[in-house]
């Protein structure tokens, strides 16, 4: 009899949180000191919106890289302070209660709970600690720093592309997870391979690409975003 465990993988954006990285980066940029600097970084963050519009239902890696240019030259301690404010003041009513309930159910069922997010660790660590109990692992993006200042780049691998399926297989091997007994909840086109990797995929608040794929694959679809 196999000793392998099962896991429940949750894509944070759209499943647990109703705001994404463009919103966070734009908000952060608006808090910068100096009108000129705010305008430049705000503009960089805003540029990510059409990129997500064009590519967001496919590979979102480029959109993530563009959005996080807004953090360039911000110090690590300033980002930490703003991340705390963002979570408390902005995300407090953007947490999706139905998604949090799914996490509770997964934990009660004995699954290892894993959250994947396009957000940066400074924000997502606080979100998990404050709102989402019983999480075993958080996998998210990390800003690159040099001399305590953010370079505007993300460290590889960048979360948000088609890495989900390959990553899930690697994670399963490392943690003795039986993917055929595991669940995944996600709502974006790039999550297709993550959902395909598990025995029980569930599509949540999907974009057009994933809704179409779910219909063709006969996967369950849950809508609770609004």
Protein backbone atom coordinates (compact mmCIF):
# COMPACT_ATOMS: atom_id res chain seq x y z
CA UNK A 1 0.00 0.00 0.00
CA UNK A 2 1.39 3.44 -0.93
CA UNK A 3 2.52 5.80 1.83
CA UNK A 4 2.28 8.80 -0.48
CA UNK A 5 0.16 11.70 0.66
CA UNK A 6 -2.13 13.97 -1.32
CA UNK A 7 -1.96 17.73 -1.77
CA UNK A 8 -4.36 20.55 -2.55
CA UNK A 9 -2.82 23.22 -4.79
CA UNK A 10 -4.42 26.67 -4.80
CA UNK A 11 -3.62 29.46 -7.24
CA UNK A 12 -4.07 32.54 -5.02
CA UNK A 13 -5.14 35.02 -7.70
CA UNK A 14 -8.82 34.59 -8.49
CA UNK A 15 -9.28 31.70 -6.07
CA UNK A 16 -8.26 33.24 -2.74
CA UNK A 17 -7.76 36.92 -3.60
CA UNK A 18 -9.76 39.11 -5.97
CA UNK A 19 -6.79 41.38 -6.76
CA UNK A 20 -3.64 40.57 -8.73
CA UNK A 21 -0.08 41.75 -9.15
CA UNK A 22 -0.88 44.73 -11.40
CA UNK A 23 -3.13 46.20 -8.72
CA UNK A 24 -0.48 45.66 -6.03
CA UNK A 25 2.34 47.13 -8.11
CA UNK A 26 0.25 50.15 -9.12
CA UNK A 27 -0.70 50.82 -5.50
CA UNK A 28 2.92 50.50 -4.39
CA UNK A 29 4.07 52.87 -7.13
CA UNK A 30 1.53 55.47 -6.00
CA UNK A 31 3.11 55.52 -2.54
CA UNK A 32 6.60 56.48 -3.74
CA UNK A 33 8.18 59.75 -2.66
CA UNK A 34 8.40 62.48 -5.30
CA UNK A 35 5.91 63.23 -8.06
CA UNK A 36 8.30 62.38 -10.91
CA UNK A 37 9.28 59.04 -9.41
CA UNK A 38 5.64 58.16 -8.70
CA UNK A 39 4.66 59.02 -12.26
CA UNK A 40 7.44 56.92 -13.79
CA UNK A 41 6.82 53.83 -11.66
CA UNK A 42 3.05 54.17 -11.84
CA UNK A 43 3.34 54.27 -15.61
CA UNK A 44 5.50 51.13 -15.60
CA UNK A 45 2.98 49.27 -13.47
CA UNK A 46 0.12 50.46 -15.65
CA UNK A 47 1.89 49.13 -18.75
CA UNK A 48 1.48 45.64 -17.34
CA UNK A 49 -2.32 45.83 -17.66
CA UNK A 50 -2.45 45.63 -21.48
CA UNK A 51 0.27 42.98 -21.40
CA UNK A 52 -1.93 40.87 -19.15
CA UNK A 53 -4.85 41.66 -21.43
CA UNK A 54 -3.00 40.33 -24.46
CA UNK A 55 -1.08 37.48 -22.86
CA UNK A 56 -2.72 36.97 -19.49
CA UNK A 57 -4.86 34.06 -20.61
CA UNK A 58 -1.72 32.38 -21.88
CA UNK A 59 1.76 32.91 -20.41
CA UNK A 60 1.59 35.61 -17.72
CA UNK A 61 5.36 35.66 -17.02
CA UNK A 62 5.98 38.73 -19.19
CA UNK A 63 3.15 40.64 -17.52
CA UNK A 64 4.62 39.81 -14.12
CA UNK A 65 8.06 41.03 -15.12
CA UNK A 66 6.68 44.31 -16.46
CA UNK A 67 4.46 44.94 -13.42
CA UNK A 68 7.28 44.51 -10.94
CA UNK A 69 9.46 47.13 -12.60
CA UNK A 70 7.47 49.52 -10.40
CA UNK A 71 9.50 48.37 -7.40
CA UNK A 72 12.84 49.44 -8.85
CA UNK A 73 15.08 51.38 -6.40
CA UNK A 74 12.69 50.91 -3.49
CA UNK A 75 14.49 49.77 -0.35
CA UNK A 76 13.63 46.44 1.22
CA UNK A 77 12.42 48.02 4.45
CA UNK A 78 10.16 50.45 2.56
CA UNK A 79 8.64 47.60 0.57
CA UNK A 80 8.01 45.69 3.81
CA UNK A 81 6.21 48.67 5.36
CA UNK A 82 4.10 49.28 2.26
CA UNK A 83 3.32 45.56 1.93
CA UNK A 84 1.94 45.59 5.47
CA UNK A 85 -0.22 48.62 4.68
CA UNK A 86 -1.42 47.09 1.41
CA UNK A 87 -2.49 43.87 3.08
CA UNK A 88 -4.23 45.62 5.98
CA UNK A 89 -5.83 48.54 4.14
CA UNK A 90 -6.48 47.19 0.65
CA UNK A 91 -6.68 43.41 0.68
CA UNK A 92 -8.67 43.08 3.88
CA UNK A 93 -11.96 43.00 1.98
CA UNK A 94 -10.51 41.39 -1.15
CA UNK A 95 -9.97 37.98 0.39
CA UNK A 96 -12.44 35.51 -1.11
CA UNK A 97 -14.19 33.75 1.76
CA UNK A 98 -15.32 30.89 -0.45
CA UNK A 99 -11.70 30.22 -1.37
CA UNK A 100 -10.60 30.29 2.26
CA UNK A 101 -13.35 27.77 3.00
CA UNK A 102 -11.95 25.49 0.28
CA UNK A 103 -8.59 25.63 2.04
CA UNK A 104 -10.24 24.63 5.32
CA UNK A 105 -11.98 21.72 3.63
CA UNK A 106 -8.74 20.56 2.03
CA UNK A 107 -6.98 20.67 5.37
CA UNK A 108 -9.81 18.77 7.06
CA UNK A 109 -9.61 16.12 4.33
CA UNK A 110 -5.94 15.58 5.13
CA UNK A 111 -4.40 17.19 2.06
CA UNK A 112 -1.13 19.04 2.22
CA UNK A 113 -2.10 22.66 1.41
CA UNK A 114 0.06 24.49 -1.10
CA UNK A 115 -0.56 28.04 -2.37
CA UNK A 116 0.95 29.31 -5.61
CA UNK A 117 0.92 33.04 -6.24
CA UNK A 118 2.19 35.56 -8.77
CA UNK A 119 2.50 38.04 -5.90
CA UNK A 120 5.75 38.90 -4.18
CA UNK A 121 6.77 37.22 -0.94
CA UNK A 122 6.60 40.47 1.04
CA UNK A 123 2.86 40.65 0.38
CA UNK A 124 1.86 37.01 0.14
CA UNK A 125 3.56 35.91 3.35
CA UNK A 126 1.48 38.47 5.23
CA UNK A 127 -1.71 37.44 3.43
CA UNK A 128 -1.23 33.81 4.40
CA UNK A 129 -0.32 34.60 8.00
CA UNK A 130 -3.30 36.93 8.45
CA UNK A 131 -6.12 35.31 6.48
CA UNK A 132 -5.40 31.74 5.41
CA UNK A 133 -4.76 29.21 8.15
CA UNK A 134 -3.28 25.76 7.73
CA UNK A 135 -1.01 26.41 4.75
CA UNK A 136 1.95 24.06 4.46
CA UNK A 137 3.79 25.78 1.63
CA UNK A 138 3.65 29.14 -0.13
CA UNK A 139 5.25 29.38 -3.57
CA UNK A 140 5.40 32.94 -4.90
CA UNK A 141 7.59 35.46 -6.68
CA UNK A 142 10.64 37.07 -5.13
CA UNK A 143 12.09 40.47 -5.90
CA UNK A 144 15.77 40.77 -6.70
CA UNK A 145 17.69 43.10 -4.37
CA UNK A 146 21.10 44.70 -4.69
CA UNK A 147 22.47 46.79 -1.81
CA UNK A 148 19.03 46.61 -0.10
CA UNK A 149 17.32 48.16 -3.14
CA UNK A 150 14.98 46.31 -5.49
CA UNK A 151 16.29 46.09 -9.05
CA UNK A 152 12.81 45.82 -10.55
CA UNK A 153 13.51 42.24 -11.57
CA UNK A 154 12.06 39.00 -10.29
CA UNK A 155 14.22 36.06 -9.32
CA UNK A 156 13.82 32.95 -11.42
CA UNK A 157 11.68 30.97 -11.70
CA UNK A 158 8.91 33.53 -12.29
CA UNK A 159 5.55 32.22 -11.14
CA UNK A 160 2.71 32.87 -13.56
CA UNK A 161 3.61 31.00 -16.71
CA UNK A 162 3.15 27.40 -17.76
CA UNK A 163 5.46 26.08 -15.07
CA UNK A 164 2.60 24.64 -12.99
CA UNK A 165 2.56 21.10 -14.33
CA UNK A 166 6.32 20.63 -14.27
CA UNK A 167 6.55 22.24 -10.86
CA UNK A 168 3.79 20.03 -9.44
CA UNK A 169 5.61 16.90 -10.61
CA UNK A 170 8.83 18.08 -8.98
CA UNK A 171 7.03 19.04 -5.77
CA UNK A 172 5.26 15.69 -5.64
CA UNK A 173 8.54 13.80 -5.97
CA UNK A 174 10.17 15.88 -3.24
CA UNK A 175 7.29 15.56 -0.75
CA UNK A 176 6.02 12.05 -1.53
CA UNK A 177 2.78 13.36 -2.99
CA UNK A 178 0.45 11.19 -5.05
CA UNK A 179 -0.80 13.59 -7.72
CA UNK A 180 -3.56 11.20 -8.76
CA UNK A 181 -5.12 11.71 -5.31
CA UNK A 182 -4.44 15.44 -5.26
CA UNK A 183 -6.60 18.49 -6.00
CA UNK A 184 -5.85 21.78 -7.75
CA UNK A 185 -7.90 24.98 -7.81
CA UNK A 186 -7.08 27.63 -10.41
CA UNK A 187 -8.69 30.07 -12.81
CA UNK A 188 -6.20 31.27 -15.44
CA UNK A 189 -5.21 29.82 -18.79
CA UNK A 190 -1.57 29.19 -17.76
CA UNK A 191 -2.82 26.96 -14.93
CA UNK A 192 -4.03 24.38 -17.43
CA UNK A 193 -0.97 22.17 -16.97
CA UNK A 194 -1.19 22.38 -13.18
CA UNK A 195 -4.81 21.28 -13.29
CA UNK A 196 -3.99 18.52 -15.76
CA UNK A 197 -1.32 17.17 -13.42
CA UNK A 198 -3.71 16.21 -10.61
CA UNK A 199 -6.48 13.67 -10.29
CA UNK A 200 -9.08 16.18 -9.13
CA UNK A 201 -8.85 19.51 -10.98
CA UNK A 202 -11.33 22.26 -10.14
CA UNK A 203 -11.63 25.46 -12.15
CA UNK A 204 -12.52 28.54 -10.10
CA UNK A 205 -13.67 31.92 -11.46
CA UNK A 206 -12.01 31.06 -14.79
CA UNK A 207 -10.92 33.32 -17.61
CA UNK A 208 -12.20 32.59 -21.11
CA UNK A 209 -9.34 30.24 -22.04
CA UNK A 210 -9.64 28.05 -18.97
CA UNK A 211 -13.43 28.01 -18.98
CA UNK A 212 -13.37 26.67 -22.54
CA UNK A 213 -10.73 24.06 -21.64
CA UNK A 214 -12.69 22.99 -18.57
CA UNK A 215 -15.83 22.53 -20.61
CA UNK A 216 -13.96 20.36 -23.12
CA UNK A 217 -12.27 18.33 -20.37
CA UNK A 218 -15.48 18.05 -18.34
CA UNK A 219 -13.84 19.56 -15.25
CA UNK A 220 -15.98 21.07 -12.49
CA UNK A 221 -16.26 24.88 -12.62
CA UNK A 222 -17.01 27.04 -9.58
CA UNK A 223 -17.90 30.74 -9.81
CA UNK A 224 -17.93 32.85 -6.67
CA UNK A 225 -15.82 35.93 -7.55
CA UNK A 226 -18.74 38.36 -7.33
